[in-house]
């Protein structure tokens, strides 16, 4: 069964637009996470950025206490964030690249270039009982490097797939890249997730990619929830995911 991890960053983005610097405000990311769980989501994802532009430390701590499903902490491989993750102990961390000027994570982690640091971080997480996923572009050399540094998962960046979805040739090209990367990851003993830019219009085309375990989706769900509410938005996404056959 293909699982859904809901990224609640944009709930915090709305809160911070009005209540930045305050210890409370609305909407509440934890309440949103609980509503997503109640609707059938299999996990909750939150990205703690260095600049704390949306999710705050207190949100992660509260999520760790409140949710009953899987907490996936997206994070950069920086000393302070690594220390925080080791203290909070999410179920899994997803290491991502991070640029201060970007609105959202726009590309995969260059595992090849950061191999030495990632080996240390993966080992520290494994020693603490925390699974590690690496958010990578669907490139074979990055998949091979992810296996070499000791990650258990890769999350394939589907941004280019989403970007080219409207053009059939581009869509086929990106699906072929994702399929090759998924096959390679599976052959190397890595488990495979995917995310970025997935929505109600393009998700079913991703059913062509093998070995997927979980999709992490945020913006499309939160956007749809403004019209339908979170419960219905989550249920509609889960319905689209039912046809997947790994």
Protein backbone atom coordinates (compact mmCIF):
# COMPACT_ATOMS: atom_id res chain seq x y z
CA UNK A 1 0.00 0.00 0.00
CA UNK A 2 1.31 3.41 -0.97
CA UNK A 3 1.43 5.62 2.12
CA UNK A 4 0.76 9.34 2.44
CA UNK A 5 2.94 11.63 4.50
CA UNK A 6 1.41 15.09 4.87
CA UNK A 7 3.79 18.03 5.01
CA UNK A 8 2.29 20.67 7.30
CA UNK A 9 4.88 23.42 6.70
CA UNK A 10 2.39 25.67 4.93
CA UNK A 11 0.05 25.62 7.90
CA UNK A 12 2.89 27.16 9.89
CA UNK A 13 3.61 29.57 7.01
CA UNK A 14 0.10 31.04 7.37
CA UNK A 15 0.51 31.32 11.15
CA UNK A 16 3.91 33.01 10.89
CA UNK A 17 2.55 35.59 8.45
CA UNK A 18 0.48 37.00 11.32
CA UNK A 19 2.10 35.79 14.54
CA UNK A 20 5.84 35.60 13.81
CA UNK A 21 7.88 35.91 16.99
CA UNK A 22 4.96 34.99 19.25
CA UNK A 23 4.62 31.80 21.23
CA UNK A 24 1.14 31.02 19.91
CA UNK A 25 -1.10 31.79 16.98
CA UNK A 26 -3.34 30.27 14.39
CA UNK A 27 -3.64 28.05 12.46
CA UNK A 28 -2.01 25.38 14.62
CA UNK A 29 0.26 22.89 12.79
CA UNK A 30 -0.29 20.25 15.47
CA UNK A 31 -4.07 20.48 15.16
CA UNK A 32 -3.68 20.19 11.39
CA UNK A 33 -1.47 17.12 11.82
CA UNK A 34 -4.02 15.44 14.05
CA UNK A 35 -6.79 16.17 11.55
CA UNK A 36 -4.69 14.63 8.77
CA UNK A 37 -4.06 11.53 10.87
CA UNK A 38 -7.77 11.20 11.62
CA UNK A 39 -8.49 11.38 7.88
CA UNK A 40 -6.12 8.48 7.18
CA UNK A 41 -2.66 9.99 6.61
CA UNK A 42 0.13 7.57 7.45
CA UNK A 43 2.65 10.13 8.65
CA UNK A 44 3.40 13.81 9.24
CA UNK A 45 6.29 15.70 7.71
CA UNK A 46 7.71 19.01 8.94
CA UNK A 47 10.79 20.90 7.74
CA UNK A 48 12.71 22.72 10.45
CA UNK A 49 14.69 25.31 8.52
CA UNK A 50 17.70 27.16 9.85
CA UNK A 51 15.89 30.49 9.53
CA UNK A 52 12.71 29.09 11.16
CA UNK A 53 10.58 30.69 8.46
CA UNK A 54 7.60 28.42 9.18
CA UNK A 55 7.96 25.38 11.46
CA UNK A 56 9.41 26.31 14.89
CA UNK A 57 11.26 24.14 17.40
CA UNK A 58 8.18 24.08 19.63
CA UNK A 59 6.11 22.70 16.75
CA UNK A 60 8.43 19.73 16.31
CA UNK A 61 8.48 19.06 20.05
CA UNK A 62 4.68 19.22 20.20
CA UNK A 63 4.31 16.98 17.15
CA UNK A 64 6.59 14.39 18.70
CA UNK A 65 4.29 14.24 21.71
CA UNK A 66 0.95 14.49 19.92
CA UNK A 67 0.89 12.39 16.78
CA UNK A 68 0.35 8.65 16.71
CA UNK A 69 1.78 8.01 13.24
CA UNK A 70 5.26 8.53 11.82
CA UNK A 71 7.07 11.85 12.34
CA UNK A 72 9.36 12.71 9.43
CA UNK A 73 11.66 15.66 10.17
CA UNK A 74 13.03 17.31 7.05
CA UNK A 75 16.30 19.08 7.85
CA UNK A 76 19.58 20.35 6.57
CA UNK A 77 22.77 18.56 7.56
CA UNK A 78 23.97 21.28 9.94
CA UNK A 79 25.38 20.78 13.46
CA UNK A 80 22.64 22.62 15.36
CA UNK A 81 19.78 20.93 13.50
CA UNK A 82 21.42 17.52 13.84
CA UNK A 83 21.74 18.03 17.60
CA UNK A 84 18.08 19.07 17.79
CA UNK A 85 16.97 15.98 15.84
CA UNK A 86 18.96 13.71 18.13
CA UNK A 87 17.20 15.29 21.10
CA UNK A 88 13.70 15.06 19.64
CA UNK A 89 14.15 11.62 18.04
CA UNK A 90 11.68 11.68 15.17
CA UNK A 91 10.93 8.34 13.55
CA UNK A 92 12.84 9.36 10.45
CA UNK A 93 14.82 12.34 9.23
CA UNK A 94 14.97 13.38 5.59
CA UNK A 95 18.15 15.29 4.84
CA UNK A 96 17.59 18.00 2.25
CA UNK A 97 19.62 20.84 0.73
CA UNK A 98 18.78 24.25 2.08
CA UNK A 99 19.25 27.71 0.58
CA UNK A 100 18.17 30.80 2.49
CA UNK A 101 16.83 32.55 -0.61
CA UNK A 102 14.61 29.73 -1.91
CA UNK A 103 10.89 29.63 -1.21
CA UNK A 104 10.86 25.84 -1.00
CA UNK A 105 13.40 23.08 -1.53
CA UNK A 106 14.13 23.32 -5.24
CA UNK A 107 16.56 20.47 -5.86
CA UNK A 108 17.96 17.28 -4.50
CA UNK A 109 20.80 16.87 -2.05
CA UNK A 110 24.23 16.43 -3.67
CA UNK A 111 25.20 13.29 -1.80
CA UNK A 112 28.31 12.78 -3.93
CA UNK A 113 29.73 16.16 -2.94
CA UNK A 114 28.85 15.85 0.76
CA UNK A 115 29.62 12.19 1.27
CA UNK A 116 31.98 12.59 4.26
CA UNK A 117 29.59 14.70 6.34
CA UNK A 118 26.60 12.52 5.44
CA UNK A 119 28.39 9.34 6.54
CA UNK A 120 28.83 10.87 10.01
CA UNK A 121 25.26 12.13 10.24
CA UNK A 122 23.73 8.87 9.03
CA UNK A 123 25.76 6.95 11.60
CA UNK A 124 24.72 9.27 14.43
CA UNK A 125 21.06 8.95 13.48
CA UNK A 126 21.23 5.17 13.18
CA UNK A 127 22.95 4.95 16.57
CA UNK A 128 19.99 6.89 18.02
CA UNK A 129 17.44 4.59 16.39
CA UNK A 130 16.36 7.19 13.80
CA UNK A 131 15.94 6.14 10.18
CA UNK A 132 17.56 8.31 7.51
CA UNK A 133 16.23 9.32 4.12
CA UNK A 134 18.09 11.45 1.60
CA UNK A 135 16.12 13.77 -0.69
CA UNK A 136 17.83 13.34 -4.05
CA UNK A 137 17.31 14.02 -7.73
CA UNK A 138 16.60 10.82 -9.70
CA UNK A 139 20.21 10.37 -10.78
CA UNK A 140 21.94 7.00 -10.55
CA UNK A 141 25.15 8.41 -9.11
CA UNK A 142 23.22 10.06 -6.30
CA UNK A 143 21.34 6.83 -5.58
CA UNK A 144 24.62 4.92 -5.39
CA UNK A 145 26.11 7.55 -3.09
CA UNK A 146 23.03 7.40 -0.84
CA UNK A 147 23.53 3.67 -0.35
CA UNK A 148 27.25 4.19 0.27
CA UNK A 149 26.78 6.75 3.07
CA UNK A 150 24.41 4.50 5.01
CA UNK A 151 20.91 5.87 4.39
CA UNK A 152 17.98 3.49 4.61
CA UNK A 153 15.70 5.50 2.30
CA UNK A 154 15.89 7.84 -0.62
CA UNK A 155 13.12 10.31 -1.35
CA UNK A 156 13.12 10.93 -5.08
CA UNK A 157 12.65 14.57 -6.00
CA UNK A 158 9.61 14.75 -8.27
CA UNK A 159 9.88 18.47 -8.97
CA UNK A 160 11.01 18.08 -12.57
CA UNK A 161 8.28 15.52 -13.18
CA UNK A 162 5.71 18.02 -11.89
CA UNK A 163 7.29 20.87 -13.88
CA UNK A 164 7.15 18.94 -17.16
CA UNK A 165 3.91 17.09 -16.52
CA UNK A 166 1.86 19.12 -19.02
CA UNK A 167 4.25 18.22 -21.88
CA UNK A 168 4.00 14.55 -22.79
CA UNK A 169 7.60 14.19 -23.95
CA UNK A 170 8.93 15.82 -20.80
CA UNK A 171 6.60 13.80 -18.61
CA UNK A 172 7.78 10.53 -20.18
CA UNK A 173 11.42 11.55 -19.81
CA UNK A 174 11.02 12.37 -16.11
CA UNK A 175 9.04 9.20 -15.42
CA UNK A 176 11.85 7.21 -17.05
CA UNK A 177 14.41 8.92 -14.81
CA UNK A 178 12.33 8.24 -11.70
CA UNK A 179 11.77 4.62 -12.72
CA UNK A 180 15.48 4.00 -13.31
CA UNK A 181 16.39 5.60 -9.99
CA UNK A 182 13.75 3.57 -8.13
CA UNK A 183 14.99 0.33 -9.67
CA UNK A 184 18.58 1.22 -8.78
CA UNK A 185 17.68 2.14 -5.21
CA UNK A 186 15.75 -1.07 -4.71
CA UNK A 187 18.62 -3.14 -6.11
CA UNK A 188 20.99 -1.48 -3.62
CA UNK A 189 18.71 -2.25 -0.68
CA UNK A 190 17.31 1.26 -0.29
CA UNK A 191 13.64 1.92 0.34
CA UNK A 192 12.02 4.50 -1.91
CA UNK A 193 9.80 7.48 -1.16
CA UNK A 194 9.00 10.43 -3.42
CA UNK A 195 7.81 14.00 -3.17
CA UNK A 196 7.75 17.62 -4.35
CA UNK A 197 5.19 19.20 -6.63
CA UNK A 198 2.78 16.27 -6.46
CA UNK A 199 -0.88 17.21 -6.72
CA UNK A 200 -4.35 15.92 -7.56
CA UNK A 201 -3.70 16.24 -11.28
CA UNK A 202 -0.34 14.52 -11.67
CA UNK A 203 -0.25 11.91 -8.93
CA UNK A 204 -1.77 8.97 -10.80
CA UNK A 205 0.89 9.22 -13.54
CA UNK A 206 3.45 8.46 -10.83
CA UNK A 207 1.91 5.00 -10.48
CA UNK A 208 4.29 3.96 -13.27
CA UNK A 209 7.27 4.28 -10.91
CA UNK A 210 8.08 1.02 -9.07
CA UNK A 211 9.02 0.33 -5.44
CA UNK A 212 7.44 3.45 -3.93
CA UNK A 213 6.48 3.25 -0.25
CA UNK A 214 5.44 6.78 0.68
CA UNK A 215 4.62 10.08 -0.99
CA UNK A 216 5.22 13.28 0.94
CA UNK A 217 2.79 15.98 -0.14
CA UNK A 218 2.17 19.40 1.35
CA UNK A 219 1.24 22.39 -0.76
CA UNK A 220 -1.45 20.71 -2.86
CA UNK A 221 -3.16 19.29 0.22
CA UNK A 222 -3.11 22.53 2.18
CA UNK A 223 -4.31 24.46 -0.87
CA UNK A 224 -7.19 22.03 -1.45
CA UNK A 225 -8.04 22.15 2.26
CA UNK A 226 -8.82 25.86 1.95
CA UNK A 227 -11.75 24.85 -0.26
CA UNK A 228 -12.77 21.49 1.16
CA UNK A 229 -11.25 21.21 4.64
CA UNK A 230 -8.31 19.00 5.58
CA UNK A 231 -10.32 15.83 6.10
CA UNK A 232 -11.75 15.81 2.61
CA UNK A 233 -8.46 16.95 1.04
CA UNK A 234 -6.57 14.05 2.62
CA UNK A 235 -9.25 11.51 1.73
CA UNK A 236 -9.29 12.67 -1.89
CA UNK A 237 -5.51 12.25 -2.13
CA UNK A 238 -5.65 8.81 -0.55
CA UNK A 239 -8.28 7.79 -3.07
CA UNK A 240 -5.95 8.73 -5.93
CA UNK A 241 -3.17 6.66 -4.35
CA UNK A 242 -5.25 3.48 -4.09
CA UNK A 243 -4.51 2.36 -7.63
CA UNK A 244 -0.76 2.05 -7.09
CA UNK A 245 0.69 -1.42 -7.61
CA UNK A 246 4.37 -1.54 -6.64
